């Protein structure tokens, strides 16, 4: 059974950085199609960086362009979300999920709080 486990959430000040980790285990899977999503308090869950299944392009939410990036370690079956220049509006529960931008398998989430 495919499992995704996020870690690395924390409380940080505006302008700070965090790196979230998504460990993928279970049945063999292509970690390239693992994406990152978030749900802010009182808002719907949104995709922030994921692969579009129709054309293979990488989707970046406008709110994170230039600040967030994804890296993958195939040997460790791990996907990372590097978040820089964090803002209070980045406060949310962050999830990794697969496949593509329309996932059906989700991790349990990790909380990021950006406070001033």
C-alpha atoms as a PDB file:
ATOM      1  CA  UNK A   1       0.000   0.000   0.000  1.00  0.00           C
ATOM      2  CA  UNK A   2       1.342   3.398  -0.995  1.00  0.00           C
ATOM      3  CA  UNK A   3       2.033   5.708   1.947  1.00  0.00           C
ATOM      4  CA  UNK A   4       3.169   9.318   2.113  1.00  0.00           C
ATOM      5  CA  UNK A   5       4.412  10.841   5.347  1.00  0.00           C
ATOM      6  CA  UNK A   6       5.147  14.544   5.708  1.00  0.00           C
ATOM      7  CA  UNK A   7       7.438  16.095   8.291  1.00  0.00           C
ATOM      8  CA  UNK A   8       9.248  19.330   8.953  1.00  0.00           C
ATOM      9  CA  UNK A   9       6.392  21.644   9.827  1.00  0.00           C
ATOM     10  CA  UNK A  10       7.196  24.313  12.403  1.00  0.00           C
ATOM     11  CA  UNK A  11       6.520  27.857  13.558  1.00  0.00           C
ATOM     12  CA  UNK A  12       8.738  30.480  11.960  1.00  0.00           C
ATOM     13  CA  UNK A  13       8.930  34.238  11.652  1.00  0.00           C
ATOM     14  CA  UNK A  14       8.155  36.044   8.401  1.00  0.00           C
ATOM     15  CA  UNK A  15      11.091  35.922   6.035  1.00  0.00           C
ATOM     16  CA  UNK A  16      12.233  32.588   7.385  1.00  0.00           C
ATOM     17  CA  UNK A  17      12.707  29.297   5.599  1.00  0.00           C
ATOM     18  CA  UNK A  18      11.558  25.731   6.114  1.00  0.00           C
ATOM     19  CA  UNK A  19      12.066  22.473   4.295  1.00  0.00           C
ATOM     20  CA  UNK A  20       9.264  19.944   4.380  1.00  0.00           C
ATOM     21  CA  UNK A  21       9.894  16.286   3.688  1.00  0.00           C
ATOM     22  CA  UNK A  22       7.575  13.725   2.108  1.00  0.00           C
ATOM     23  CA  UNK A  23       8.692  10.134   2.549  1.00  0.00           C
ATOM     24  CA  UNK A  24       7.085   7.763   0.045  1.00  0.00           C
ATOM     25  CA  UNK A  25       6.824   4.055   0.794  1.00  0.00           C
ATOM     26  CA  UNK A  26       4.836   0.997  -0.155  1.00  0.00           C
ATOM     27  CA  UNK A  27       4.208  -0.094  -3.717  1.00  0.00           C
ATOM     28  CA  UNK A  28       6.731   1.125  -6.307  1.00  0.00           C
ATOM     29  CA  UNK A  29       5.834   4.592  -7.439  1.00  0.00           C
ATOM     30  CA  UNK A  30       7.207   7.448  -9.455  1.00  0.00           C
ATOM     31  CA  UNK A  31       8.011  10.191  -6.986  1.00  0.00           C
ATOM     32  CA  UNK A  32       8.218  12.659  -9.873  1.00  0.00           C
ATOM     33  CA  UNK A  33       4.417  12.904  -9.860  1.00  0.00           C
ATOM     34  CA  UNK A  34       4.203  13.613  -6.125  1.00  0.00           C
ATOM     35  CA  UNK A  35       2.972  17.145  -5.563  1.00  0.00           C
ATOM     36  CA  UNK A  36       2.539  19.569  -2.687  1.00  0.00           C
ATOM     37  CA  UNK A  37      -0.741  21.050  -1.522  1.00  0.00           C
ATOM     38  CA  UNK A  38      -1.850  23.156   1.419  1.00  0.00           C
ATOM     39  CA  UNK A  39      -4.957  24.139   3.320  1.00  0.00           C
ATOM     40  CA  UNK A  40      -5.017  27.422   5.176  1.00  0.00           C
ATOM     41  CA  UNK A  41      -7.426  27.986   8.085  1.00  0.00           C
ATOM     42  CA  UNK A  42     -10.924  28.545   6.755  1.00  0.00           C
ATOM     43  CA  UNK A  43      -9.905  27.957   3.139  1.00  0.00           C
ATOM     44  CA  UNK A  44     -10.093  25.133   0.645  1.00  0.00           C
ATOM     45  CA  UNK A  45      -7.112  22.931  -0.016  1.00  0.00           C
ATOM     46  CA  UNK A  46      -5.044  24.126  -2.969  1.00  0.00           C
ATOM     47  CA  UNK A  47      -2.243  22.789  -5.090  1.00  0.00           C
ATOM     48  CA  UNK A  48       0.964  24.781  -4.777  1.00  0.00           C
ATOM     49  CA  UNK A  49       3.474  22.754  -6.819  1.00  0.00           C
ATOM     50  CA  UNK A  50       2.426  19.700  -8.799  1.00  0.00           C
ATOM     51  CA  UNK A  51       2.678  18.092 -12.228  1.00  0.00           C
ATOM     52  CA  UNK A  52      -0.156  18.678 -14.672  1.00  0.00           C
ATOM     53  CA  UNK A  53      -1.219  15.243 -15.966  1.00  0.00           C
ATOM     54  CA  UNK A  54      -2.410  16.632 -19.306  1.00  0.00           C
ATOM     55  CA  UNK A  55       0.845  18.150 -20.500  1.00  0.00           C
ATOM     56  CA  UNK A  56       3.449  17.230 -17.911  1.00  0.00           C
ATOM     57  CA  UNK A  57       4.143  20.866 -17.095  1.00  0.00           C
ATOM     58  CA  UNK A  58       4.948  21.876 -13.549  1.00  0.00           C
ATOM     59  CA  UNK A  59       2.212  23.954 -11.975  1.00  0.00           C
ATOM     60  CA  UNK A  60       3.183  26.632  -9.459  1.00  0.00           C
ATOM     61  CA  UNK A  61       0.556  28.563  -7.553  1.00  0.00           C
ATOM     62  CA  UNK A  62       1.097  32.289  -8.100  1.00  0.00           C
ATOM     63  CA  UNK A  63       1.369  32.785  -4.364  1.00  0.00           C
ATOM     64  CA  UNK A  64       4.529  30.644  -4.113  1.00  0.00           C
ATOM     65  CA  UNK A  65       6.324  31.365  -7.391  1.00  0.00           C
ATOM     66  CA  UNK A  66       9.908  32.420  -6.800  1.00  0.00           C
ATOM     67  CA  UNK A  67       9.813  31.367  -3.143  1.00  0.00           C
ATOM     68  CA  UNK A  68       8.997  27.628  -3.040  1.00  0.00           C
ATOM     69  CA  UNK A  69      10.762  24.827  -4.890  1.00  0.00           C
ATOM     70  CA  UNK A  70      10.565  21.041  -5.004  1.00  0.00           C
ATOM     71  CA  UNK A  71      13.460  18.620  -4.948  1.00  0.00           C
ATOM     72  CA  UNK A  72      13.482  14.843  -5.180  1.00  0.00           C
ATOM     73  CA  UNK A  73      15.834  12.160  -3.940  1.00  0.00           C
ATOM     74  CA  UNK A  74      15.058   9.014  -5.910  1.00  0.00           C
ATOM     75  CA  UNK A  75      17.437   6.893  -3.836  1.00  0.00           C
ATOM     76  CA  UNK A  76      15.528   7.796  -0.679  1.00  0.00           C
ATOM     77  CA  UNK A  77      12.070   7.901  -2.279  1.00  0.00           C
ATOM     78  CA  UNK A  78      11.699  11.357  -0.765  1.00  0.00           C
ATOM     79  CA  UNK A  79      10.300  14.635  -2.045  1.00  0.00           C
ATOM     80  CA  UNK A  80      11.176  17.953  -0.435  1.00  0.00           C
ATOM     81  CA  UNK A  81       9.426  21.306  -0.417  1.00  0.00           C
ATOM     82  CA  UNK A  82      11.853  24.171   0.168  1.00  0.00           C
ATOM     83  CA  UNK A  83      10.015  27.265   1.349  1.00  0.00           C
ATOM     84  CA  UNK A  84      11.823  30.599   1.480  1.00  0.00           C
ATOM     85  CA  UNK A  85      10.744  34.139   2.320  1.00  0.00           C
ATOM     86  CA  UNK A  86       7.785  32.817   4.263  1.00  0.00           C
ATOM     87  CA  UNK A  87       4.808  35.084   4.837  1.00  0.00           C
ATOM     88  CA  UNK A  88       1.995  34.943   7.406  1.00  0.00           C
ATOM     89  CA  UNK A  89      -0.366  33.940   4.588  1.00  0.00           C
ATOM     90  CA  UNK A  90       1.696  30.779   4.095  1.00  0.00           C
ATOM     91  CA  UNK A  91       0.318  29.513   7.399  1.00  0.00           C
ATOM     92  CA  UNK A  92      -1.418  26.239   6.564  1.00  0.00           C
ATOM     93  CA  UNK A  93      -1.407  22.480   6.808  1.00  0.00           C
ATOM     94  CA  UNK A  94       0.860  21.174   4.062  1.00  0.00           C
ATOM     95  CA  UNK A  95       0.304  17.864   2.316  1.00  0.00           C
ATOM     96  CA  UNK A  96       2.137  15.808  -0.240  1.00  0.00           C
ATOM     97  CA  UNK A  97      -0.048  13.722  -2.524  1.00  0.00           C
ATOM     98  CA  UNK A  98       0.081  11.680  -5.699  1.00  0.00           C
ATOM     99  CA  UNK A  99      -0.357  11.480  -8.583  1.00  0.00           C
ATOM    100  CA  UNK A 100      -0.170  14.790 -10.416  1.00  0.00           C
ATOM    101  CA  UNK A 101      -2.394  17.748  -9.562  1.00  0.00           C
ATOM    102  CA  UNK A 102      -5.414  15.457  -9.121  1.00  0.00           C
ATOM    103  CA  UNK A 103      -4.141  13.075  -6.464  1.00  0.00           C
ATOM    104  CA  UNK A 104      -5.959  10.231  -4.819  1.00  0.00           C
ATOM    105  CA  UNK A 105      -3.368   9.342  -2.199  1.00  0.00           C
ATOM    106  CA  UNK A 106      -2.503  11.836   0.520  1.00  0.00           C
ATOM    107  CA  UNK A 107      -0.228  12.144   3.475  1.00  0.00           C
ATOM    108  CA  UNK A 108      -1.497  13.174   6.874  1.00  0.00           C
ATOM    109  CA  UNK A 109      -0.146  16.708   6.635  1.00  0.00           C
ATOM    110  CA  UNK A 110       2.289  18.862   8.572  1.00  0.00           C
ATOM    111  CA  UNK A 111       1.531  22.295  10.003  1.00  0.00           C
ATOM    112  CA  UNK A 112       3.425  25.445   9.139  1.00  0.00           C
ATOM    113  CA  UNK A 113       2.784  28.612  11.111  1.00  0.00           C
ATOM    114  CA  UNK A 114       4.329  31.924  10.096  1.00  0.00           C
ATOM    115  CA  UNK A 115       3.920  34.463  12.865  1.00  0.00           C
ATOM    116  CA  UNK A 116       5.111  37.962  13.555  1.00  0.00           C
END
